[in-house]
Amino acid sequence: MANILGIPSPKEDIDGSMVRYVYYEKEDLDRIILYCERDVITVAQILLRLRNEPRLDEDQILHV
């Protein structure tokens, strides 16, 4: 959906099929948190696009 709407993919580092490996084998919870945050941001951008509202700029997104 993101690709169709011209929104950058959040799948930079890992995808859903790799979460188990990253958690149990690498024990890298921070990497999974970042993966989930990117997914949420992408869903927000999709919703904004579907409502014909401007997408959020990077400086409007708070990464915790």
N, C-alpha and C. Protein backbone atom coordinates (compact mmCIF):
# COMPACT_ATOMS: atom_id res chain seq x y z
N MET A 1 0.83 -1.19 0.00
CA MET A 1 0.00 0.00 0.00
C MET A 1 0.88 1.25 0.00
N ALA A 2 1.91 1.23 0.85
CA ALA A 2 2.80 2.39 0.92
C ALA A 2 3.44 2.66 -0.44
N ASN A 3 3.90 1.62 -1.08
CA ASN A 3 4.55 1.76 -2.37
C ASN A 3 3.60 2.36 -3.40
N ILE A 4 2.38 1.89 -3.44
CA ILE A 4 1.38 2.39 -4.39
C ILE A 4 1.11 3.87 -4.17
N LEU A 5 1.12 4.30 -2.91
CA LEU A 5 0.84 5.70 -2.57
C LEU A 5 2.08 6.58 -2.59
N GLY A 6 3.22 6.01 -2.94
CA GLY A 6 4.45 6.80 -3.03
C GLY A 6 5.07 7.12 -1.69
N ILE A 7 4.80 6.28 -0.70
CA ILE A 7 5.35 6.48 0.64
C ILE A 7 6.51 5.51 0.81
N PRO A 8 7.66 5.99 1.28
CA PRO A 8 8.82 5.10 1.42
C PRO A 8 8.52 3.89 2.32
N SER A 9 9.08 2.77 1.93
CA SER A 9 8.89 1.53 2.69
C SER A 9 9.62 1.59 4.03
N PRO A 10 8.97 1.08 5.08
CA PRO A 10 9.64 1.04 6.38
C PRO A 10 10.59 -0.15 6.51
N LYS A 11 10.63 -1.01 5.50
CA LYS A 11 11.42 -2.23 5.57
C LYS A 11 12.87 -1.96 5.17
N GLU A 12 13.58 -1.23 6.00
CA GLU A 12 14.97 -0.88 5.70
C GLU A 12 15.94 -1.95 6.19
N ASP A 13 15.71 -2.44 7.38
CA ASP A 13 16.67 -3.31 8.03
C ASP A 13 16.17 -4.75 8.12
N ILE A 14 14.94 -4.91 8.60
CA ILE A 14 14.36 -6.24 8.74
C ILE A 14 12.90 -6.20 8.29
N ASP A 15 12.33 -7.39 8.10
CA ASP A 15 10.89 -7.48 7.83
C ASP A 15 10.29 -8.44 8.85
N GLY A 16 8.97 -8.61 8.79
CA GLY A 16 8.26 -9.40 9.79
C GLY A 16 8.77 -10.82 9.93
N SER A 17 9.24 -11.40 8.84
CA SER A 17 9.73 -12.78 8.90
C SER A 17 11.02 -12.92 9.72
N MET A 18 11.69 -11.82 9.99
CA MET A 18 12.97 -11.86 10.69
C MET A 18 12.87 -11.52 12.18
N VAL A 19 11.69 -11.08 12.63
CA VAL A 19 11.54 -10.63 14.02
C VAL A 19 11.89 -11.72 15.02
N ARG A 20 11.42 -12.94 14.79
CA ARG A 20 11.72 -14.04 15.70
C ARG A 20 13.24 -14.24 15.83
N TYR A 21 13.93 -14.27 14.70
CA TYR A 21 15.38 -14.46 14.70
C TYR A 21 16.08 -13.32 15.46
N VAL A 22 15.68 -12.09 15.17
CA VAL A 22 16.32 -10.94 15.81
C VAL A 22 16.08 -10.96 17.32
N TYR A 23 14.91 -11.41 17.74
CA TYR A 23 14.59 -11.45 19.18
C TYR A 23 15.29 -12.60 19.89
N TYR A 24 15.15 -13.80 19.37
CA TYR A 24 15.67 -14.98 20.08
C TYR A 24 17.14 -15.26 19.82
N GLU A 25 17.60 -15.01 18.61
CA GLU A 25 18.99 -15.33 18.28
C GLU A 25 19.94 -14.14 18.54
N LYS A 26 19.51 -12.97 18.14
CA LYS A 26 20.35 -11.77 18.29
C LYS A 26 20.07 -11.03 19.60
N GLU A 27 18.91 -11.30 20.19
CA GLU A 27 18.50 -10.61 21.43
C GLU A 27 18.60 -9.09 21.29
N ASP A 28 18.13 -8.60 20.16
CA ASP A 28 18.23 -7.17 19.83
C ASP A 28 16.84 -6.53 19.84
N LEU A 29 16.33 -6.31 21.03
CA LEU A 29 14.99 -5.74 21.18
C LEU A 29 14.91 -4.32 20.60
N ASP A 30 15.98 -3.55 20.71
CA ASP A 30 15.98 -2.19 20.16
C ASP A 30 15.75 -2.19 18.65
N ARG A 31 16.29 -3.16 17.97
CA ARG A 31 16.12 -3.27 16.52
C ARG A 31 14.66 -3.56 16.19
N ILE A 32 13.99 -4.39 16.99
CA ILE A 32 12.58 -4.69 16.78
C ILE A 32 11.72 -3.47 17.09
N ILE A 33 12.07 -2.75 18.13
CA ILE A 33 11.33 -1.52 18.47
C ILE A 33 11.39 -0.54 17.31
N LEU A 34 12.56 -0.34 16.74
CA LEU A 34 12.71 0.56 15.61
C LEU A 34 11.89 0.07 14.42
N TYR A 35 11.89 -1.22 14.18
CA TYR A 35 11.10 -1.81 13.10
C TYR A 35 9.61 -1.50 13.30
N CYS A 36 9.11 -1.68 14.51
CA CYS A 36 7.70 -1.41 14.82
C CYS A 36 7.37 0.08 14.69
N GLU A 37 8.27 0.94 15.18
CA GLU A 37 8.06 2.38 15.06
C GLU A 37 7.92 2.80 13.60
N ARG A 38 8.78 2.26 12.75
CA ARG A 38 8.73 2.60 11.32
C ARG A 38 7.40 2.15 10.71
N ASP A 39 6.92 0.98 11.12
CA ASP A 39 5.62 0.51 10.62
C ASP A 39 4.49 1.45 11.04
N VAL A 40 4.50 1.89 12.27
CA VAL A 40 3.44 2.79 12.76
C VAL A 40 3.50 4.12 12.02
N ILE A 41 4.68 4.65 11.81
CA ILE A 41 4.83 5.91 11.08
C ILE A 41 4.32 5.75 9.65
N THR A 42 4.61 4.62 9.04
CA THR A 42 4.15 4.39 7.67
C THR A 42 2.64 4.31 7.61
N VAL A 43 2.01 3.63 8.57
CA VAL A 43 0.55 3.56 8.60
C VAL A 43 -0.05 4.96 8.77
N ALA A 44 0.55 5.77 9.62
CA ALA A 44 0.07 7.15 9.80
C ALA A 44 0.19 7.93 8.49
N GLN A 45 1.30 7.76 7.78
CA GLN A 45 1.48 8.46 6.50
C GLN A 45 0.45 7.99 5.47
N ILE A 46 0.14 6.69 5.47
CA ILE A 46 -0.87 6.16 4.55
C ILE A 46 -2.23 6.77 4.86
N LEU A 47 -2.59 6.81 6.13
CA LEU A 47 -3.89 7.39 6.51
C LEU A 47 -3.98 8.86 6.11
N LEU A 48 -2.91 9.60 6.34
CA LEU A 48 -2.91 11.01 5.94
C LEU A 48 -3.09 11.14 4.43
N ARG A 49 -2.39 10.31 3.69
CA ARG A 49 -2.47 10.35 2.23
C ARG A 49 -3.89 10.04 1.76
N LEU A 50 -4.52 9.02 2.36
CA LEU A 50 -5.88 8.64 1.98
C LEU A 50 -6.90 9.73 2.31
N ARG A 51 -6.58 10.56 3.29
CA ARG A 51 -7.46 11.67 3.66
C ARG A 51 -7.11 12.95 2.92
N ASN A 52 -6.17 12.85 1.96
CA ASN A 52 -5.70 14.00 1.19
C ASN A 52 -5.11 15.09 2.07
N GLU A 53 -4.45 14.68 3.12
CA GLU A 53 -3.76 15.61 4.01
C GLU A 53 -2.26 15.48 3.77
N PRO A 54 -1.50 16.50 4.10
CA PRO A 54 -0.05 16.42 3.88
C PRO A 54 0.60 15.38 4.79
N ARG A 55 1.59 14.70 4.25
CA ARG A 55 2.35 13.74 5.06
C ARG A 55 3.17 14.49 6.09
N LEU A 56 3.53 13.77 7.14
CA LEU A 56 4.38 14.34 8.18
C LEU A 56 5.81 14.45 7.67
N ASP A 57 6.46 15.57 7.98
CA ASP A 57 7.89 15.71 7.71
C ASP A 57 8.66 15.01 8.81
N GLU A 58 9.88 14.65 8.52
CA GLU A 58 10.71 13.94 9.51
C GLU A 58 10.83 14.71 10.82
N ASP A 59 10.89 16.05 10.75
CA ASP A 59 11.03 16.84 11.99
C ASP A 59 9.74 16.89 12.79
N GLN A 60 8.63 16.40 12.24
CA GLN A 60 7.37 16.35 12.97
C GLN A 60 7.17 15.00 13.68
N ILE A 61 8.09 14.08 13.46
CA ILE A 61 7.98 12.74 14.03
C ILE A 61 8.93 12.61 15.21
N LEU A 62 8.37 12.25 16.35
CA LEU A 62 9.17 12.09 17.56
C LEU A 62 9.55 10.62 17.71
N HIS A 63 10.84 10.35 17.66
CA HIS A 63 11.35 8.99 17.87
C HIS A 63 11.76 8.87 19.33
N VAL A 64 11.14 7.94 20.01
CA VAL A 64 11.41 7.79 21.44
C VAL A 64 12.44 6.71 21.69
